[in-house]
Amino acid sequence: MNKLRKYIKKSIPVLIIILFAGLILSRVFSPDHRQSIEVTTTASEAIHHQGKYAEVCGEAVSVQLIRQIGGEPTFINFEEDYPNQHFTGVIWGEDRLAWHSSPEDLYTNRNICVEGVIRMHEGTPQIRISSPEQVRIQTND
């Protein structure tokens, strides 16, 4: 009985540390830890909202997986095809696993909205898309 008490006495601080660390990690890595959308804009106007967490909407005229580029990106080109696209959504190869169907099948020639931080890449505004929840297919309601 004495051994059990000593064991419990030694175990309680370790358990408290583990529970505390779990609580902190659950707040940091929460899947619902999304930002609020600051602006909703068209693909053509996205260039004016660099650095903002935005929803960008338009027609995905082409969706292409490019295996020859490091990271195997999938480019979603809005309004016009590359190199004249107004806006690009980028899905990196490591993130494609989150999609149950290919982005090419889901989004090509569809009106969609993507959300995320708008960054510039070689003169074109773009958003990195790391999960399907960042993409909304527009319906004709």
N, C-alpha and C. Protein backbone atom coordinates (compact mmCIF):
# COMPACT_ATOMS: atom_id res chain seq x y z
N MET A 1 0.81 -1.19 0.00
CA MET A 1 0.00 0.00 0.00
C MET A 1 0.86 1.27 0.00
N ASN A 2 1.97 1.23 0.73
CA ASN A 2 2.89 2.35 0.77
C ASN A 2 3.50 2.61 -0.60
N LYS A 3 3.85 1.55 -1.33
CA LYS A 3 4.43 1.69 -2.67
C LYS A 3 3.43 2.35 -3.62
N LEU A 4 2.17 1.99 -3.50
CA LEU A 4 1.13 2.57 -4.34
C LEU A 4 1.00 4.07 -4.08
N ARG A 5 1.01 4.48 -2.83
CA ARG A 5 0.92 5.90 -2.48
C ARG A 5 2.11 6.68 -3.05
N LYS A 6 3.31 6.12 -2.92
CA LYS A 6 4.50 6.79 -3.45
C LYS A 6 4.41 6.91 -4.98
N TYR A 7 3.92 5.87 -5.62
CA TYR A 7 3.78 5.89 -7.08
C TYR A 7 2.78 6.95 -7.52
N ILE A 8 1.66 7.01 -6.83
CA ILE A 8 0.62 8.01 -7.16
C ILE A 8 1.16 9.42 -6.93
N LYS A 9 1.89 9.62 -5.80
CA LYS A 9 2.46 10.93 -5.50
C LYS A 9 3.41 11.39 -6.60
N LYS A 10 4.20 10.48 -7.14
CA LYS A 10 5.15 10.81 -8.19
C LYS A 10 4.45 11.01 -9.55
N SER A 11 3.36 10.31 -9.76
CA SER A 11 2.67 10.35 -11.06
C SER A 11 1.81 11.59 -11.25
N ILE A 12 1.26 12.14 -10.21
CA ILE A 12 0.34 13.27 -10.32
C ILE A 12 0.99 14.48 -11.00
N PRO A 13 2.19 14.91 -10.61
CA PRO A 13 2.78 16.06 -11.33
C PRO A 13 2.99 15.79 -12.83
N VAL A 14 3.38 14.57 -13.17
CA VAL A 14 3.58 14.22 -14.58
C VAL A 14 2.25 14.30 -15.33
N LEU A 15 1.19 13.78 -14.74
CA LEU A 15 -0.14 13.83 -15.37
C LEU A 15 -0.62 15.27 -15.55
N ILE A 16 -0.36 16.10 -14.55
CA ILE A 16 -0.77 17.51 -14.65
C ILE A 16 -0.03 18.19 -15.80
N ILE A 17 1.25 17.93 -15.94
CA ILE A 17 2.03 18.52 -17.03
C ILE A 17 1.51 18.04 -18.38
N ILE A 18 1.22 16.76 -18.50
CA ILE A 18 0.70 16.21 -19.77
C ILE A 18 -0.65 16.83 -20.11
N LEU A 19 -1.55 16.94 -19.14
CA LEU A 19 -2.86 17.55 -19.38
C LEU A 19 -2.73 19.02 -19.78
N PHE A 20 -1.85 19.74 -19.10
CA PHE A 20 -1.65 21.16 -19.41
C PHE A 20 -1.09 21.32 -20.82
N ALA A 21 -0.10 20.50 -21.19
CA ALA A 21 0.47 20.56 -22.54
C ALA A 21 -0.59 20.22 -23.59
N GLY A 22 -1.44 19.25 -23.32
CA GLY A 22 -2.51 18.89 -24.25
C GLY A 22 -3.50 20.02 -24.44
N LEU A 23 -3.83 20.71 -23.36
CA LEU A 23 -4.74 21.85 -23.45
C LEU A 23 -4.15 22.96 -24.31
N ILE A 24 -2.89 23.27 -24.09
CA ILE A 24 -2.23 24.31 -24.89
C ILE A 24 -2.18 23.91 -26.36
N LEU A 25 -1.78 22.69 -26.64
CA LEU A 25 -1.68 22.23 -28.03
C LEU A 25 -3.05 22.21 -28.72
N SER A 26 -4.10 21.89 -27.98
CA SER A 26 -5.44 21.86 -28.59
C SER A 26 -5.88 23.25 -29.01
N ARG A 27 -5.43 24.27 -28.31
CA ARG A 27 -5.77 25.66 -28.68
C ARG A 27 -4.95 26.13 -29.88
N VAL A 28 -3.70 25.73 -29.94
CA VAL A 28 -2.81 26.16 -31.01
C VAL A 28 -3.15 25.48 -32.33
N PHE A 29 -3.46 24.18 -32.29
CA PHE A 29 -3.67 23.40 -33.51
C PHE A 29 -5.13 23.07 -33.76
N SER A 30 -6.03 23.90 -33.30
CA SER A 30 -7.46 23.69 -33.49
C SER A 30 -7.82 23.81 -34.96
N PRO A 31 -8.56 22.82 -35.54
CA PRO A 31 -8.92 22.91 -36.95
C PRO A 31 -9.88 24.05 -37.26
N ASP A 32 -10.59 24.57 -36.26
CA ASP A 32 -11.53 25.67 -36.48
C ASP A 32 -10.88 27.03 -36.24
N HIS A 33 -9.56 27.05 -36.19
CA HIS A 33 -8.82 28.27 -35.92
C HIS A 33 -8.63 29.06 -37.22
N ARG A 34 -9.75 29.42 -37.88
CA ARG A 34 -9.69 30.15 -39.14
C ARG A 34 -9.89 31.63 -38.88
N GLN A 35 -9.29 32.41 -39.76
CA GLN A 35 -9.43 33.86 -39.66
C GLN A 35 -10.78 34.28 -40.21
N SER A 36 -11.16 35.50 -39.87
CA SER A 36 -12.36 36.09 -40.44
C SER A 36 -12.01 36.69 -41.80
N ILE A 37 -12.91 36.57 -42.74
CA ILE A 37 -12.70 37.14 -44.07
C ILE A 37 -12.80 38.66 -43.96
N GLU A 38 -11.73 39.34 -44.41
CA GLU A 38 -11.69 40.80 -44.37
C GLU A 38 -12.41 41.42 -45.56
N VAL A 39 -12.33 40.74 -46.72
CA VAL A 39 -12.92 41.29 -47.94
C VAL A 39 -13.30 40.15 -48.87
N THR A 40 -14.39 40.32 -49.59
CA THR A 40 -14.76 39.41 -50.67
C THR A 40 -14.60 40.19 -51.96
N THR A 41 -13.90 39.57 -52.92
CA THR A 41 -13.57 40.30 -54.14
C THR A 41 -13.58 39.37 -55.35
N THR A 42 -13.50 39.96 -56.51
CA THR A 42 -13.39 39.18 -57.74
C THR A 42 -11.93 38.86 -58.00
N ALA A 43 -11.71 37.91 -58.88
CA ALA A 43 -10.34 37.55 -59.26
C ALA A 43 -9.60 38.76 -59.84
N SER A 44 -10.30 39.56 -60.61
CA SER A 44 -9.67 40.72 -61.26
C SER A 44 -9.29 41.81 -60.26
N GLU A 45 -10.00 41.90 -59.15
CA GLU A 45 -9.74 42.94 -58.16
C GLU A 45 -8.85 42.47 -57.01
N ALA A 46 -8.49 41.20 -56.99
CA ALA A 46 -7.70 40.63 -55.88
C ALA A 46 -6.35 41.34 -55.72
N ILE A 47 -5.79 41.83 -56.82
CA ILE A 47 -4.49 42.50 -56.77
C ILE A 47 -4.50 43.70 -55.82
N HIS A 48 -5.66 44.28 -55.58
CA HIS A 48 -5.78 45.46 -54.73
C HIS A 48 -5.92 45.10 -53.25
N HIS A 49 -5.85 43.82 -52.92
CA HIS A 49 -6.09 43.39 -51.53
C HIS A 49 -4.95 42.51 -51.01
N GLN A 50 -3.73 42.79 -51.45
CA GLN A 50 -2.56 42.02 -51.01
C GLN A 50 -2.44 42.04 -49.50
N GLY A 51 -2.11 40.88 -48.93
CA GLY A 51 -1.88 40.77 -47.50
C GLY A 51 -3.13 40.59 -46.67
N LYS A 52 -4.30 40.69 -47.29
CA LYS A 52 -5.56 40.53 -46.56
C LYS A 52 -6.05 39.09 -46.63
N TYR A 53 -6.75 38.68 -45.58
CA TYR A 53 -7.42 37.38 -45.58
C TYR A 53 -8.73 37.61 -46.32
N ALA A 54 -8.85 37.05 -47.52
CA ALA A 54 -9.94 37.40 -48.42
C ALA A 54 -10.63 36.16 -48.98
N GLU A 55 -11.82 36.39 -49.50
CA GLU A 55 -12.50 35.40 -50.33
C GLU A 55 -12.47 35.96 -51.74
N VAL A 56 -11.89 35.20 -52.67
CA VAL A 56 -11.76 35.63 -54.06
C VAL A 56 -12.61 34.71 -54.92
N CYS A 57 -13.48 35.31 -55.73
CA CYS A 57 -14.44 34.53 -56.53
C CYS A 57 -14.24 34.80 -58.02
N GLY A 58 -14.48 33.76 -58.81
CA GLY A 58 -14.40 33.89 -60.25
C GLY A 58 -14.46 32.53 -60.92
N GLU A 59 -14.29 32.53 -62.26
CA GLU A 59 -14.32 31.28 -63.02
C GLU A 59 -12.93 30.65 -63.05
N ALA A 60 -12.87 29.39 -62.67
CA ALA A 60 -11.62 28.62 -62.75
C ALA A 60 -11.52 28.08 -64.17
N VAL A 61 -10.84 28.80 -65.04
CA VAL A 61 -10.78 28.41 -66.45
C VAL A 61 -9.84 27.25 -66.71
N SER A 62 -8.84 27.07 -65.84
CA SER A 62 -7.97 25.90 -65.97
C SER A 62 -7.47 25.49 -64.59
N VAL A 63 -7.33 24.19 -64.42
CA VAL A 63 -6.79 23.62 -63.19
C VAL A 63 -5.77 22.58 -63.62
N GLN A 64 -4.50 22.81 -63.28
CA GLN A 64 -3.44 21.94 -63.79
C GLN A 64 -2.47 21.53 -62.69
N LEU A 65 -2.23 20.22 -62.60
CA LEU A 65 -1.18 19.68 -61.75
C LEU A 65 0.11 19.69 -62.57
N ILE A 66 1.16 20.33 -62.05
CA ILE A 66 2.44 20.41 -62.75
C ILE A 66 3.46 19.60 -61.96
N ARG A 67 3.67 18.36 -62.36
CA ARG A 67 4.60 17.47 -61.65
C ARG A 67 6.07 17.85 -61.87
N GLN A 68 6.36 18.61 -62.93
CA GLN A 68 7.73 18.97 -63.26
C GLN A 68 8.29 20.06 -62.35
N ILE A 69 7.44 20.72 -61.59
CA ILE A 69 7.87 21.77 -60.68
C ILE A 69 8.00 21.17 -59.29
N GLY A 70 9.07 21.53 -58.58
CA GLY A 70 9.25 21.06 -57.21
C GLY A 70 8.04 21.36 -56.35
N GLY A 71 7.60 20.38 -55.57
CA GLY A 71 6.42 20.54 -54.73
C GLY A 71 5.13 20.14 -55.43
N GLU A 72 5.24 19.83 -56.72
CA GLU A 72 4.10 19.39 -57.53
C GLU A 72 2.82 20.21 -57.30
N PRO A 73 2.88 21.49 -57.63
CA PRO A 73 1.70 22.35 -57.40
C PRO A 73 0.57 22.09 -58.40
N THR A 74 -0.63 22.37 -57.93
CA THR A 74 -1.80 22.43 -58.80
C THR A 74 -2.19 23.90 -58.87
N PHE A 75 -2.24 24.43 -60.08
CA PHE A 75 -2.59 25.83 -60.28
C PHE A 75 -4.03 25.94 -60.74
N ILE A 76 -4.81 26.76 -60.04
CA ILE A 76 -6.18 27.07 -60.45
C ILE A 76 -6.13 28.49 -60.99
N ASN A 77 -6.25 28.63 -62.30
CA ASN A 77 -6.17 29.94 -62.96
C ASN A 77 -7.57 30.51 -63.16
N PHE A 78 -7.74 31.74 -62.72
CA PHE A 78 -9.05 32.39 -62.77
C PHE A 78 -9.16 33.35 -63.94
N GLU A 79 -10.31 33.36 -64.57
CA GLU A 79 -10.74 34.28 -65.63
C GLU A 79 -10.05 34.06 -66.97
N GLU A 80 -8.73 33.86 -66.98
CA GLU A 80 -8.00 33.54 -68.22
C GLU A 80 -6.95 32.48 -67.88
N ASP A 81 -6.52 31.76 -68.90
CA ASP A 81 -5.52 30.72 -68.71
C ASP A 81 -4.13 31.35 -68.54
N TYR A 82 -3.21 30.60 -67.95
CA TYR A 82 -1.82 31.01 -67.82
C TYR A 82 -1.23 31.29 -69.20
N PRO A 83 -0.53 32.36 -69.41
CA PRO A 83 0.06 33.29 -68.45
C PRO A 83 -0.74 34.58 -68.23
N ASN A 84 -1.98 34.61 -68.65
CA ASN A 84 -2.79 35.83 -68.55
C ASN A 84 -3.83 35.77 -67.44
N GLN A 85 -3.69 34.82 -66.53
CA GLN A 85 -4.66 34.67 -65.44
C GLN A 85 -4.71 35.93 -64.59
N HIS A 86 -5.90 36.21 -64.05
CA HIS A 86 -6.09 37.39 -63.20
C HIS A 86 -5.71 37.06 -61.75
N PHE A 87 -5.82 35.79 -61.40
CA PHE A 87 -5.61 35.33 -60.03
C PHE A 87 -5.32 33.84 -60.09
N THR A 88 -4.54 33.34 -59.11
CA THR A 88 -4.22 31.92 -59.07
C THR A 88 -4.43 31.37 -57.66
N GLY A 89 -5.07 30.22 -57.58
CA GLY A 89 -5.11 29.44 -56.35
C GLY A 89 -4.08 28.33 -56.49
N VAL A 90 -3.27 28.10 -55.46
CA VAL A 90 -2.21 27.10 -55.54
C VAL A 90 -2.44 26.03 -54.47
N ILE A 91 -2.49 24.78 -54.92
CA ILE A 91 -2.56 23.63 -54.02
C ILE A 91 -1.23 22.89 -54.17
N TRP A 92 -0.42 22.82 -53.11
CA TRP A 92 0.84 22.11 -53.17
C TRP A 92 0.60 20.61 -53.06
N GLY A 93 1.49 19.84 -53.65
CA GLY A 93 1.35 18.39 -53.70
C GLY A 93 1.09 17.76 -52.35
N GLU A 94 1.76 18.24 -51.31
CA GLU A 94 1.57 17.68 -49.97
C GLU A 94 0.16 17.91 -49.44
N ASP A 95 -0.54 18.92 -49.97
CA ASP A 95 -1.89 19.23 -49.52
C ASP A 95 -2.97 18.52 -50.33
N ARG A 96 -2.63 18.03 -51.54
CA ARG A 96 -3.62 17.38 -52.41
C ARG A 96 -4.28 16.17 -51.78
N LEU A 97 -3.60 15.53 -50.82
CA LEU A 97 -4.15 14.34 -50.18
C LEU A 97 -5.47 14.63 -49.46
N ALA A 98 -5.71 15.88 -49.12
CA ALA A 98 -6.95 16.26 -48.43
C ALA A 98 -8.18 16.20 -49.34
N TRP A 99 -7.96 16.18 -50.65
CA TRP A 99 -9.08 16.13 -51.61
C TRP A 99 -9.41 14.67 -51.92
N HIS A 100 -10.70 14.34 -51.89
CA HIS A 100 -11.14 12.98 -52.22
C HIS A 100 -11.29 12.77 -53.72
N SER A 101 -11.52 13.86 -54.45
CA SER A 101 -11.53 13.85 -55.92
C SER A 101 -10.50 14.85 -56.38
N SER A 102 -10.06 14.72 -57.61
CA SER A 102 -9.01 15.63 -58.07
C SER A 102 -9.56 17.06 -58.21
N PRO A 103 -8.76 18.05 -57.84
CA PRO A 103 -9.18 19.44 -58.03
C PRO A 103 -9.50 19.74 -59.49
N GLU A 104 -8.81 19.06 -60.43
CA GLU A 104 -9.09 19.28 -61.85
C GLU A 104 -10.54 18.93 -62.16
N ASP A 105 -11.01 17.79 -61.65
CA ASP A 105 -12.39 17.37 -61.90
C ASP A 105 -13.40 18.25 -61.16
N LEU A 106 -13.05 18.69 -59.98
CA LEU A 106 -13.99 19.46 -59.15
C LEU A 106 -14.18 20.90 -59.61
N TYR A 107 -13.10 21.55 -60.07
CA TYR A 107 -13.16 23.01 -60.23
C TYR A 107 -13.05 23.54 -61.65
N THR A 108 -12.55 22.76 -62.61
CA THR A 108 -12.35 23.27 -63.97
C THR A 108 -13.66 23.76 -64.57
N ASN A 109 -13.63 24.99 -65.11
CA ASN A 109 -14.78 25.64 -65.75
C ASN A 109 -15.96 25.83 -64.80
N ARG A 110 -15.66 25.99 -63.53
CA ARG A 110 -16.71 26.25 -62.53
C ARG A 110 -16.45 27.61 -61.90
N ASN A 111 -17.51 28.23 -61.44
CA ASN A 111 -17.37 29.46 -60.66
C ASN A 111 -17.14 29.05 -59.22
N ILE A 112 -16.00 29.46 -58.67
CA ILE A 112 -15.64 29.09 -57.31
C ILE A 112 -15.15 30.31 -56.54
N CYS A 113 -15.12 30.16 -55.23
CA CYS A 113 -14.50 31.15 -54.35
C CYS A 113 -13.45 30.44 -53.51
N VAL A 114 -12.32 31.08 -53.32
CA VAL A 114 -11.27 30.53 -52.46
C VAL A 114 -10.97 31.56 -51.38
N GLU A 115 -10.60 31.07 -50.20
CA GLU A 115 -10.28 32.00 -49.13
C GLU A 115 -8.89 31.74 -48.58
N GLY A 116 -8.24 32.82 -48.18
CA GLY A 116 -6.90 32.77 -47.63
C GLY A 116 -6.25 34.13 -47.76
N VAL A 117 -4.97 34.19 -47.41
CA VAL A 117 -4.23 35.44 -47.50
C VAL A 117 -3.74 35.63 -48.94
N ILE A 118 -4.02 36.79 -49.50
CA ILE A 118 -3.59 37.09 -50.87
C ILE A 118 -2.13 37.53 -50.84
N ARG A 119 -1.31 36.82 -51.60
CA ARG A 119 0.11 37.12 -51.76
C ARG A 119 0.38 37.33 -53.24
N MET A 120 1.45 38.05 -53.55
CA MET A 120 1.83 38.24 -54.95
C MET A 120 2.92 37.24 -55.31
N HIS A 121 2.82 36.69 -56.52
CA HIS A 121 3.86 35.81 -57.05
C HIS A 121 4.07 36.16 -58.51
N GLU A 122 5.24 36.69 -58.82
CA GLU A 122 5.58 37.08 -60.18
C GLU A 122 4.50 37.95 -60.82
N GLY A 123 4.01 38.92 -60.04
CA GLY A 123 3.04 39.89 -60.55
C GLY A 123 1.59 39.44 -60.54
N THR A 124 1.32 38.23 -60.06
CA THR A 124 -0.05 37.72 -60.03
C THR A 124 -0.47 37.46 -58.59
N PRO A 125 -1.65 37.94 -58.20
CA PRO A 125 -2.12 37.63 -56.84
C PRO A 125 -2.49 36.15 -56.75
N GLN A 126 -2.20 35.56 -55.58
CA GLN A 126 -2.53 34.15 -55.40
C GLN A 126 -2.83 33.87 -53.93
N ILE A 127 -3.52 32.76 -53.72
CA ILE A 127 -3.80 32.24 -52.39
C ILE A 127 -3.35 30.79 -52.36
N ARG A 128 -2.67 30.42 -51.28
CA ARG A 128 -2.33 29.00 -51.07
C ARG A 128 -3.56 28.32 -50.49
N ILE A 129 -3.96 27.23 -51.13
CA ILE A 129 -5.13 26.46 -50.70
C ILE A 129 -4.61 25.16 -50.11
N SER A 130 -4.76 24.98 -48.81
CA SER A 130 -4.23 23.79 -48.17
C SER A 130 -5.31 22.80 -47.76
N SER A 131 -6.58 23.18 -47.91
CA SER A 131 -7.66 22.25 -47.59
C SER A 131 -8.90 22.56 -48.44
N PRO A 132 -9.72 21.54 -48.71
CA PRO A 132 -10.93 21.76 -49.51
C PRO A 132 -11.90 22.76 -48.87
N GLU A 133 -11.81 22.94 -47.56
CA GLU A 133 -12.70 23.88 -46.88
C GLU A 133 -12.45 25.33 -47.29
N GLN A 134 -11.31 25.59 -47.93
CA GLN A 134 -11.00 26.93 -48.40
C GLN A 134 -11.65 27.22 -49.76
N VAL A 135 -12.28 26.23 -50.36
CA VAL A 135 -12.88 26.39 -51.70
C VAL A 135 -14.38 26.19 -51.60
N ARG A 136 -15.11 27.11 -52.21
CA ARG A 136 -16.57 27.01 -52.26
C ARG A 136 -17.00 27.10 -53.72
N ILE A 137 -17.78 26.10 -54.15
CA ILE A 137 -18.31 26.12 -55.52
C ILE A 137 -19.58 26.96 -55.50
N GLN A 138 -19.63 27.97 -56.37
CA GLN A 138 -20.80 28.84 -56.42
C GLN A 138 -21.93 28.15 -57.16
N THR A 139 -23.11 28.28 -56.63
CA THR A 139 -24.29 27.70 -57.28
C THR A 139 -25.09 28.82 -57.93
N ASN A 140 -25.94 28.45 -58.85
CA ASN A 140 -26.75 29.45 -59.59
C ASN A 140 -28.11 29.61 -58.96
N ASP A 141 -28.14 29.90 -57.66
CA ASP A 141 -29.42 30.07 -56.95
C ASP A 141 -30.06 31.40 -57.28
